[in-house]
Amino acid sequence: MRIAVAGGTGRIGRLVVEELRRSGHEAVSLSRSEGVDLRSGDGLASRLAGADAVIDVTNPPVATVEEAEEAFTAITATLLRAERDAGVAHHVALSIAALDAVDGNPHYFGKRAQERAVATGPIPFTIVRATQFHDFPAMIAEWSVVDGEGVVPPLLLQPIAPADVAAELVAAATSAPLDGAVEIAGPRTEDAVDMARRTFAARGHDLPVRASWREAALGLEFAGEVLLPSAQARLAPTRFDEWIADGAQ
């Protein structure tokens, strides 16, 4: 199959492109470096020619609810129009598990707007809702460095390996559209503070980590079990311990 990856040069996009090629499919990356503007649509038509499916893993930087909803909706609308014109038969969008449980966070507003646009669009679709990635706590720590320490809130997560996310997206794109959502998660719950410390140790990064909600990148709307997946979530195989042992990349 010929499958295009919107955001194919990003963190997850690169893994999706690699997984597609490893599985014997033709991967076409859609990004600025390939001459594609996902807002205006410039360069999309030629890249989508002959594509059977599109996997959207774009993640535009956003600061406000209004900015998030506009960015995610605009990119999705541009993709869907181009896919309709190119005869693409399946749109796969990466989203977030427990998406409806978090209020007040701009990124979550943007992803909900994206899901609405996909669900009401002209292309048969599958939405893949994933829990936080194994490297998420380390990213939080690096977002909020105070007095030389990375601040990580005491989150309870059921994290998933980035490579497992890529594999699930490829599996979705090469299957029939669900016209609905599927939820994926890692095999067990983990503590975000411990995860951040172990990730930095595995990477040889000496940033100290402090557990706190104050000055953290995430607010109290993420406390408790909010971020845990539903009982219906499909569990990916890679444990956090295995990811750490493999170098935390």
Protein backbone atom coordinates (compact mmCIF):
# COMPACT_ATOMS: atom_id res chain seq x y z
CA MET A 1 0.00 0.00 0.00
CA ARG A 2 1.01 3.61 -0.56
CA ILE A 3 0.46 5.50 2.72
CA ALA A 4 1.15 9.17 3.38
CA VAL A 5 2.23 10.37 6.82
CA ALA A 6 1.32 13.94 7.78
CA GLY A 7 4.08 15.08 10.11
CA GLY A 8 6.34 12.33 8.82
CA THR A 9 9.56 14.00 9.99
CA GLY A 10 8.41 14.46 13.60
CA ARG A 11 8.97 12.30 16.69
CA ILE A 12 6.25 9.75 15.94
CA GLY A 13 6.09 10.41 12.20
CA ARG A 14 9.63 9.15 11.63
CA LEU A 15 8.80 5.93 13.46
CA VAL A 16 5.62 5.49 11.41
CA VAL A 17 7.55 5.96 8.15
CA GLU A 18 10.14 3.40 9.31
CA GLU A 19 7.42 0.93 10.35
CA LEU A 20 5.63 1.28 7.02
CA ARG A 21 8.78 0.60 5.05
CA ARG A 22 9.76 -2.30 7.31
CA SER A 23 6.32 -3.78 6.70
CA GLY A 24 6.74 -3.56 2.92
CA HIS A 25 4.56 -0.50 2.28
CA GLU A 26 5.41 2.68 0.39
CA ALA A 27 5.67 5.60 2.83
CA VAL A 28 5.25 9.20 1.70
CA SER A 29 6.11 11.88 4.24
CA LEU A 30 4.10 15.11 4.26
CA SER A 31 6.08 17.94 5.83
CA ARG A 32 7.65 21.28 5.03
CA SER A 33 10.97 19.61 4.26
CA GLU A 34 9.21 17.75 1.43
CA GLY A 35 7.65 20.97 0.14
CA VAL A 36 4.23 20.44 1.74
CA ASP A 37 2.30 23.16 3.60
CA LEU A 38 -0.39 21.41 5.63
CA ARG A 39 -2.26 24.65 6.26
CA SER A 40 -2.48 26.00 2.72
CA GLY A 41 -2.34 22.63 0.99
CA ASP A 42 0.59 23.63 -1.21
CA GLY A 43 2.41 20.53 -2.42
CA LEU A 44 -0.20 18.10 -1.10
CA ALA A 45 -1.79 16.99 -4.38
CA SER A 46 1.35 15.55 -5.92
CA ARG A 47 2.39 13.77 -2.71
CA LEU A 48 -1.06 12.21 -2.24
CA ALA A 49 -1.37 10.90 -5.80
CA GLY A 50 -2.07 7.18 -5.62
CA ALA A 51 -2.19 7.09 -1.81
CA ASP A 52 -4.44 4.47 -0.23
CA ALA A 53 -4.44 6.03 3.25
CA VAL A 54 -3.16 8.98 5.27
CA ILE A 55 -1.84 8.80 8.84
CA ASP A 56 -1.97 12.18 10.58
CA VAL A 57 0.49 12.57 13.47
CA THR A 58 0.89 16.34 13.23
CA ASN A 59 1.35 18.16 16.52
CA PRO A 60 1.40 21.94 16.00
CA PRO A 61 2.65 24.05 18.92
CA VAL A 62 -0.24 25.84 20.62
CA ALA A 63 -0.55 28.14 23.63
CA THR A 64 -4.27 28.97 23.92
CA VAL A 65 -7.54 27.13 23.43
CA GLU A 66 -8.43 29.33 20.45
CA GLU A 67 -5.04 28.75 18.82
CA ALA A 68 -5.26 25.00 19.40
CA GLU A 69 -8.73 24.60 17.97
CA GLU A 70 -7.88 26.71 14.94
CA ALA A 71 -4.58 24.92 14.21
CA PHE A 72 -5.84 21.37 14.51
CA THR A 73 -9.07 22.11 12.63
CA ALA A 74 -7.28 23.93 9.80
CA ILE A 75 -4.71 21.19 9.23
CA THR A 76 -7.36 18.47 9.33
CA ALA A 77 -9.66 20.31 6.92
CA THR A 78 -6.82 20.84 4.45
CA LEU A 79 -5.81 17.19 4.60
CA LEU A 80 -9.36 15.90 4.18
CA ARG A 81 -10.04 18.10 1.16
CA ALA A 82 -6.83 16.97 -0.52
CA GLU A 83 -7.55 13.33 0.33
CA ARG A 84 -11.04 13.58 -1.20
CA ASP A 85 -9.59 15.03 -4.38
CA ALA A 86 -6.91 12.33 -4.53
CA GLY A 87 -9.31 9.46 -3.89
CA VAL A 88 -7.75 8.46 -0.55
CA ALA A 89 -9.91 5.79 1.10
CA HIS A 90 -8.84 5.95 4.77
CA HIS A 91 -7.79 8.74 7.18
CA VAL A 92 -6.08 7.69 10.41
CA ALA A 93 -5.61 10.30 13.14
CA LEU A 94 -3.46 9.97 16.26
CA SER A 95 -5.25 11.31 19.31
CA ILE A 96 -5.08 11.02 23.12
CA ALA A 97 -6.56 8.42 25.46
CA ALA A 98 -8.99 9.78 28.07
CA LEU A 99 -9.33 12.85 25.86
CA ASP A 100 -12.71 13.87 27.25
CA ALA A 101 -11.61 13.61 30.88
CA VAL A 102 -9.29 16.64 30.82
CA ASP A 103 -10.64 20.18 30.70
CA GLY A 104 -8.73 23.44 30.65
CA ASN A 105 -5.70 22.27 28.66
CA PRO A 106 -5.38 23.92 25.21
CA HIS A 107 -3.86 20.85 23.56
CA TYR A 108 -6.81 18.70 24.60
CA PHE A 109 -9.26 21.26 23.21
CA GLY A 110 -7.33 21.14 19.93
CA LYS A 111 -7.40 17.35 19.75
CA ARG A 112 -11.14 17.29 20.44
CA ALA A 113 -11.63 19.77 17.61
CA GLN A 114 -9.49 17.57 15.36
CA GLU A 115 -11.56 14.50 16.19
CA ARG A 116 -14.79 16.35 15.40
CA ALA A 117 -13.40 17.47 12.04
CA VAL A 118 -12.31 13.92 11.17
CA ALA A 119 -15.62 12.39 12.24
CA THR A 120 -17.68 14.82 10.18
CA GLY A 121 -15.35 14.85 7.18
CA PRO A 122 -15.70 13.12 3.80
CA ILE A 123 -13.13 10.34 4.31
CA PRO A 124 -13.70 7.00 6.11
CA PHE A 125 -11.60 7.19 9.25
CA THR A 126 -10.01 5.57 12.26
CA ILE A 127 -8.99 7.57 15.35
CA VAL A 128 -6.23 5.98 17.44
CA ARG A 129 -6.26 7.33 20.99
CA ALA A 130 -2.94 6.62 22.74
CA THR A 131 -1.86 7.13 26.32
CA GLN A 132 1.23 9.23 27.07
CA PHE A 133 4.49 8.03 25.58
CA HIS A 134 7.33 6.59 27.64
CA ASP A 135 9.40 9.75 27.19
CA PHE A 136 6.57 12.09 28.26
CA PRO A 137 7.67 12.60 31.92
CA ALA A 138 11.20 13.55 30.83
CA MET A 139 9.71 16.04 28.38
CA ILE A 140 7.62 17.57 31.19
CA ALA A 141 10.75 17.94 33.31
CA GLU A 142 12.58 19.73 30.49
CA TRP A 143 9.60 22.06 29.90
CA SER A 144 9.70 23.30 33.53
CA VAL A 145 13.23 23.74 34.87
CA VAL A 146 13.24 25.79 38.09
CA ASP A 147 16.48 26.52 39.96
CA GLY A 148 18.24 23.80 38.01
CA GLU A 149 15.62 21.14 38.67
CA GLY A 150 13.02 19.64 36.35
CA VAL A 151 9.58 19.88 37.92
CA VAL A 152 7.36 16.84 37.33
CA PRO A 153 3.85 16.55 38.80
CA PRO A 154 3.03 13.22 40.52
CA LEU A 155 1.05 11.78 37.62
CA LEU A 156 -0.24 8.22 37.38
CA LEU A 157 0.25 7.03 33.80
CA GLN A 158 -0.10 3.86 31.75
CA PRO A 159 2.54 4.85 29.20
CA ILE A 160 3.14 3.36 25.78
CA ALA A 161 6.36 2.99 23.80
CA PRO A 162 6.59 5.33 20.78
CA ALA A 163 7.48 2.40 18.52
CA ASP A 164 4.34 0.57 19.65
CA VAL A 165 2.27 3.64 18.76
CA ALA A 166 3.78 3.63 15.27
CA ALA A 167 3.00 -0.07 14.86
CA GLU A 168 -0.62 0.46 15.94
CA LEU A 169 -1.05 3.36 13.51
CA VAL A 170 0.28 1.27 10.63
CA ALA A 171 -2.00 -1.61 11.61
CA ALA A 172 -4.97 0.75 11.62
CA ALA A 173 -4.08 2.27 8.24
CA THR A 174 -3.72 -1.13 6.60
CA SER A 175 -7.07 -2.35 7.96
CA ALA A 176 -10.62 -1.33 7.13
CA PRO A 177 -11.73 2.06 8.52
CA LEU A 178 -13.59 1.86 11.83
CA ASP A 179 -15.40 5.19 11.46
CA GLY A 180 -14.74 5.45 15.17
CA ALA A 181 -11.96 5.38 17.75
CA VAL A 182 -9.73 2.71 19.25
CA GLU A 183 -7.74 3.24 22.45
CA ILE A 184 -4.21 1.93 23.00
CA ALA A 185 -2.03 1.91 26.13
CA GLY A 186 1.07 0.39 27.61
CA PRO A 187 0.93 -2.81 29.65
CA ARG A 188 1.09 -1.33 33.19
CA THR A 189 0.79 1.84 35.27
CA GLU A 190 3.84 3.90 36.17
CA ASP A 191 4.73 6.92 38.31
CA ALA A 192 5.73 9.93 36.21
CA VAL A 193 8.36 11.26 38.63
CA ASP A 194 10.13 7.91 38.78
CA MET A 195 9.88 7.62 35.00
CA ALA A 196 11.55 10.99 34.45
CA ARG A 197 14.43 10.17 36.80
CA ARG A 198 15.02 6.77 35.19
CA THR A 199 14.84 8.21 31.68
CA PHE A 200 17.48 10.84 32.42
CA ALA A 201 19.69 8.22 34.07
CA ALA A 202 19.41 5.94 31.04
CA ARG A 203 20.28 8.81 28.73
CA GLY A 204 23.18 10.06 30.88
CA HIS A 205 21.39 13.36 31.48
CA ASP A 206 22.07 14.75 34.96
CA LEU A 207 18.99 17.01 35.32
CA PRO A 208 17.66 16.59 38.89
CA VAL A 209 13.91 15.99 39.15
CA ARG A 210 11.58 17.46 41.78
CA ALA A 211 8.03 16.22 42.34
CA SER A 212 5.57 19.10 42.54
CA TRP A 213 2.37 20.49 41.05
CA ARG A 214 3.62 24.03 41.66
CA GLU A 215 5.51 25.45 38.67
CA ALA A 216 4.88 22.24 36.70
CA ALA A 217 3.97 22.28 33.02
CA LEU A 218 0.65 20.53 33.72
CA GLY A 219 -2.15 21.60 36.02
CA LEU A 220 -4.25 19.79 38.61
CA GLU A 221 -6.76 18.79 35.94
CA PHE A 222 -4.34 15.90 35.26
CA ALA A 223 -4.33 14.61 38.88
CA GLY A 224 -5.58 11.25 40.09
CA GLU A 225 -6.43 8.56 37.53
CA VAL A 226 -7.58 10.97 34.82
CA LEU A 227 -4.95 9.89 32.31
CA LEU A 228 -5.49 6.15 32.65
CA PRO A 229 -7.11 4.34 29.71
CA SER A 230 -10.47 2.64 29.74
CA ALA A 231 -10.87 -1.08 30.39
CA GLN A 232 -11.44 -1.54 26.64
CA ALA A 233 -8.00 -0.22 25.67
CA ARG A 234 -5.80 -2.48 23.57
CA LEU A 235 -2.52 -3.05 25.44
CA ALA A 236 0.78 -2.74 23.57
CA PRO A 237 3.61 -5.10 24.58
CA THR A 238 6.59 -2.92 25.51
CA ARG A 239 6.99 -2.22 29.23
CA PHE A 240 8.68 0.94 30.47
CA ASP A 241 11.45 -1.19 32.01
CA GLU A 242 12.22 -2.69 28.61
CA TRP A 243 12.27 0.75 26.97
CA ILE A 244 14.73 1.97 29.61
CA ALA A 245 16.94 -1.10 29.18
CA ASP A 246 16.99 -0.43 25.43
CA GLY A 247 18.38 3.09 25.90
CA ALA A 248 15.22 5.20 26.45
CA GLN A 249 15.06 6.46 22.85
